[in-house]
Amino acid sequence: MPLGGANATEIVAGLKRSTPFLKRLVACEVALRYTPNLIFQLDLSFDQADRIAALLARPEIERDLRRRAARAEDHDDAG
């Protein structure tokens, strides 16, 4: 993902156009029998992490997590 996420589609398209050139660079720098194919795509893991963080921050979820932690603590004290 480009810094700030700006122009991501154009950047990935440019990387895809540059794949043959980049593959040649890799082939010159790394001693391998076969040069791997290079595939470029957007990394959406930050978007997914933000979505999960937003879900976990919801009041009803925080309440349930606090309850579960309290029950686990009570179970540990009793055991």
N, C-alpha and C. Protein backbone atom coordinates (compact mmCIF):
# COMPACT_ATOMS: atom_id res chain seq x y z
N MET A 1 0.86 -1.17 0.00
CA MET A 1 0.00 0.00 0.00
C MET A 1 0.89 1.23 0.00
N PRO A 2 0.69 2.12 -0.92
CA PRO A 2 1.49 3.34 -0.93
C PRO A 2 1.23 4.16 0.34
N LEU A 3 2.22 4.93 0.73
CA LEU A 3 2.10 5.75 1.92
C LEU A 3 0.88 6.66 1.81
N GLY A 4 0.00 6.56 2.76
CA GLY A 4 -1.23 7.34 2.75
C GLY A 4 -2.31 6.76 1.87
N GLY A 5 -2.01 5.71 1.14
CA GLY A 5 -3.01 5.05 0.30
C GLY A 5 -3.38 5.82 -0.95
N ALA A 6 -2.63 6.88 -1.26
CA ALA A 6 -2.97 7.71 -2.41
C ALA A 6 -2.54 7.04 -3.71
N ASN A 7 -3.38 7.12 -4.72
CA ASN A 7 -3.08 6.63 -6.06
C ASN A 7 -2.71 5.15 -6.10
N ALA A 8 -3.29 4.37 -5.22
CA ALA A 8 -2.93 2.96 -5.10
C ALA A 8 -3.15 2.21 -6.41
N THR A 9 -4.27 2.45 -7.07
CA THR A 9 -4.57 1.74 -8.30
C THR A 9 -3.54 2.04 -9.39
N GLU A 10 -3.17 3.31 -9.51
CA GLU A 10 -2.19 3.69 -10.52
C GLU A 10 -0.82 3.12 -10.20
N ILE A 11 -0.46 3.08 -8.93
CA ILE A 11 0.85 2.55 -8.53
C ILE A 11 0.93 1.06 -8.82
N VAL A 12 -0.12 0.32 -8.49
CA VAL A 12 -0.12 -1.12 -8.77
C VAL A 12 -0.06 -1.35 -10.28
N ALA A 13 -0.78 -0.55 -11.04
CA ALA A 13 -0.74 -0.69 -12.50
C ALA A 13 0.68 -0.43 -13.02
N GLY A 14 1.36 0.57 -12.48
CA GLY A 14 2.73 0.86 -12.88
C GLY A 14 3.68 -0.27 -12.52
N LEU A 15 3.50 -0.85 -11.34
CA LEU A 15 4.33 -1.99 -10.95
C LEU A 15 4.10 -3.18 -11.87
N LYS A 16 2.84 -3.40 -12.23
CA LYS A 16 2.54 -4.51 -13.14
C LYS A 16 3.19 -4.29 -14.51
N ARG A 17 3.17 -3.03 -14.98
CA ARG A 17 3.82 -2.73 -16.27
C ARG A 17 5.33 -2.93 -16.18
N SER A 18 5.90 -2.70 -15.00
CA SER A 18 7.35 -2.80 -14.79
C SER A 18 7.80 -4.20 -14.42
N THR A 19 6.89 -5.15 -14.34
CA THR A 19 7.23 -6.50 -13.90
C THR A 19 8.38 -7.12 -14.69
N PRO A 20 8.39 -7.08 -16.02
CA PRO A 20 9.53 -7.70 -16.75
C PRO A 20 10.88 -7.09 -16.36
N PHE A 21 10.92 -5.77 -16.24
CA PHE A 21 12.16 -5.09 -15.85
C PHE A 21 12.58 -5.50 -14.45
N LEU A 22 11.64 -5.50 -13.51
CA LEU A 22 11.95 -5.87 -12.13
C LEU A 22 12.37 -7.33 -12.03
N LYS A 23 11.76 -8.18 -12.81
CA LYS A 23 12.12 -9.60 -12.81
C LYS A 23 13.56 -9.77 -13.31
N ARG A 24 13.95 -9.02 -14.32
CA ARG A 24 15.34 -9.08 -14.80
C ARG A 24 16.30 -8.62 -13.72
N LEU A 25 15.94 -7.57 -12.98
CA LEU A 25 16.81 -7.10 -11.88
C LEU A 25 16.97 -8.19 -10.83
N VAL A 26 15.88 -8.84 -10.47
CA VAL A 26 15.95 -9.92 -9.49
C VAL A 26 16.84 -11.04 -10.01
N ALA A 27 16.68 -11.40 -11.27
CA ALA A 27 17.47 -12.47 -11.86
C ALA A 27 18.97 -12.16 -11.83
N CYS A 28 19.32 -10.89 -12.00
CA CYS A 28 20.73 -10.50 -11.97
C CYS A 28 21.30 -10.49 -10.56
N GLU A 29 20.47 -10.22 -9.57
CA GLU A 29 20.94 -10.05 -8.21
C GLU A 29 20.88 -11.32 -7.36
N VAL A 30 20.00 -12.23 -7.70
CA VAL A 30 19.78 -13.42 -6.87
C VAL A 30 20.11 -14.65 -7.69
N ALA A 31 20.97 -15.49 -7.12
CA ALA A 31 21.38 -16.71 -7.84
C ALA A 31 20.33 -17.80 -7.65
N LEU A 32 19.44 -17.91 -8.61
CA LEU A 32 18.40 -18.94 -8.59
C LEU A 32 18.38 -19.63 -9.95
N ARG A 33 17.96 -20.86 -9.96
CA ARG A 33 17.83 -21.57 -11.23
C ARG A 33 16.72 -20.92 -12.07
N TYR A 34 15.61 -20.64 -11.43
CA TYR A 34 14.47 -20.01 -12.10
C TYR A 34 14.11 -18.73 -11.35
N THR A 35 13.87 -17.69 -12.07
CA THR A 35 13.44 -16.44 -11.45
C THR A 35 11.94 -16.52 -11.21
N PRO A 36 11.52 -16.22 -10.00
CA PRO A 36 10.09 -16.31 -9.71
C PRO A 36 9.29 -15.22 -10.43
N ASN A 37 8.04 -15.51 -10.65
CA ASN A 37 7.15 -14.49 -11.20
C ASN A 37 6.86 -13.48 -10.10
N LEU A 38 6.75 -12.24 -10.48
CA LEU A 38 6.43 -11.18 -9.53
C LEU A 38 4.99 -10.77 -9.74
N ILE A 39 4.24 -10.75 -8.65
CA ILE A 39 2.82 -10.39 -8.72
C ILE A 39 2.60 -9.24 -7.74
N PHE A 40 1.97 -8.19 -8.21
CA PHE A 40 1.70 -7.02 -7.38
C PHE A 40 0.20 -6.87 -7.19
N GLN A 41 -0.19 -6.66 -5.95
CA GLN A 41 -1.60 -6.39 -5.64
C GLN A 41 -1.65 -5.57 -4.36
N LEU A 42 -2.76 -4.90 -4.16
CA LEU A 42 -2.92 -4.07 -2.97
C LEU A 42 -2.97 -4.92 -1.72
N ASP A 43 -2.34 -4.43 -0.66
CA ASP A 43 -2.38 -5.09 0.65
C ASP A 43 -3.56 -4.49 1.42
N LEU A 44 -4.59 -5.27 1.60
CA LEU A 44 -5.79 -4.79 2.28
C LEU A 44 -5.80 -5.13 3.77
N SER A 45 -4.71 -5.67 4.29
CA SER A 45 -4.69 -6.08 5.69
C SER A 45 -4.88 -4.91 6.64
N PHE A 46 -4.38 -3.72 6.30
CA PHE A 46 -4.57 -2.56 7.17
C PHE A 46 -6.04 -2.17 7.23
N ASP A 47 -6.74 -2.24 6.11
CA ASP A 47 -8.17 -1.95 6.09
C ASP A 47 -8.93 -2.96 6.94
N GLN A 48 -8.55 -4.22 6.84
CA GLN A 48 -9.21 -5.25 7.63
C GLN A 48 -8.92 -5.06 9.11
N ALA A 49 -7.68 -4.70 9.46
CA ALA A 49 -7.33 -4.44 10.86
C ALA A 49 -8.13 -3.26 11.41
N ASP A 50 -8.29 -2.21 10.62
CA ASP A 50 -9.09 -1.06 11.05
C ASP A 50 -10.54 -1.46 11.29
N ARG A 51 -11.08 -2.30 10.40
CA ARG A 51 -12.46 -2.75 10.56
C ARG A 51 -12.63 -3.58 11.82
N ILE A 52 -11.68 -4.47 12.09
CA ILE A 52 -11.75 -5.30 13.30
C ILE A 52 -11.60 -4.43 14.54
N ALA A 53 -10.69 -3.48 14.51
CA ALA A 53 -10.51 -2.58 15.66
C ALA A 53 -11.78 -1.78 15.93
N ALA A 54 -12.44 -1.32 14.87
CA ALA A 54 -13.69 -0.58 15.04
C ALA A 54 -14.77 -1.47 15.64
N LEU A 55 -14.83 -2.71 15.20
CA LEU A 55 -15.81 -3.63 15.79
C LEU A 55 -15.53 -3.88 17.26
N LEU A 56 -14.27 -4.09 17.61
CA LEU A 56 -13.93 -4.36 19.00
C LEU A 56 -14.14 -3.14 19.90
N ALA A 57 -14.11 -1.95 19.32
CA ALA A 57 -14.30 -0.74 20.10
C ALA A 57 -15.77 -0.40 20.35
N ARG A 58 -16.67 -1.14 19.72
CA ARG A 58 -18.10 -0.87 19.93
C ARG A 58 -18.45 -1.15 21.39
N PRO A 59 -19.29 -0.32 22.00
CA PRO A 59 -19.60 -0.45 23.43
C PRO A 59 -20.11 -1.84 23.82
N GLU A 60 -20.98 -2.43 23.02
CA GLU A 60 -21.52 -3.74 23.40
C GLU A 60 -20.46 -4.83 23.33
N ILE A 61 -19.51 -4.68 22.44
CA ILE A 61 -18.43 -5.66 22.34
C ILE A 61 -17.46 -5.49 23.51
N GLU A 62 -17.12 -4.23 23.82
CA GLU A 62 -16.25 -3.98 24.96
C GLU A 62 -16.87 -4.52 26.25
N ARG A 63 -18.17 -4.34 26.39
CA ARG A 63 -18.87 -4.84 27.58
C ARG A 63 -18.75 -6.36 27.66
N ASP A 64 -18.98 -7.04 26.54
CA ASP A 64 -18.88 -8.50 26.53
C ASP A 64 -17.47 -8.97 26.81
N LEU A 65 -16.48 -8.27 26.29
CA LEU A 65 -15.09 -8.65 26.53
C LEU A 65 -14.72 -8.46 28.00
N ARG A 66 -15.22 -7.37 28.61
CA ARG A 66 -14.95 -7.16 30.05
C ARG A 66 -15.59 -8.26 30.88
N ARG A 67 -16.83 -8.66 30.54
CA ARG A 67 -17.50 -9.75 31.25
C ARG A 67 -16.72 -11.04 31.14
N ARG A 68 -16.28 -11.35 29.93
CA ARG A 68 -15.55 -12.59 29.71
C ARG A 68 -14.23 -12.58 30.49
N ALA A 69 -13.55 -11.44 30.53
CA ALA A 69 -12.29 -11.35 31.28
C ALA A 69 -12.55 -11.51 32.77
N ALA A 70 -13.65 -10.92 33.25
CA ALA A 70 -13.98 -11.04 34.68
C ALA A 70 -14.29 -12.49 35.03
N ARG A 71 -15.04 -13.19 34.17
CA ARG A 71 -15.34 -14.60 34.43
C ARG A 71 -14.08 -15.46 34.42
N ALA A 72 -13.18 -15.17 33.51
CA ALA A 72 -11.92 -15.92 33.45
C ALA A 72 -11.10 -15.68 34.70
N GLU A 73 -11.11 -14.44 35.17
CA GLU A 73 -10.37 -14.10 36.39
C GLU A 73 -10.99 -14.82 37.59
N ASP A 74 -12.33 -14.83 37.68
CA ASP A 74 -13.00 -15.54 38.76
C ASP A 74 -12.69 -17.02 38.72
N HIS A 75 -12.65 -17.59 37.52
CA HIS A 75 -12.34 -19.01 37.36
C HIS A 75 -10.90 -19.30 37.81
N ASP A 76 -9.98 -18.40 37.49
CA ASP A 76 -8.59 -18.58 37.89
C ASP A 76 -8.43 -18.49 39.40
N ASP A 77 -9.19 -17.58 40.05
CA ASP A 77 -9.13 -17.43 41.50
C ASP A 77 -9.70 -18.64 42.22
N ALA A 78 -10.74 -19.24 41.64
CA ALA A 78 -11.39 -20.39 42.27
C ALA A 78 -10.57 -21.66 42.07
N GLY A 79 -9.80 -21.73 41.00
CA GLY A 79 -9.08 -22.95 40.64
C GLY A 79 -7.79 -23.04 41.29
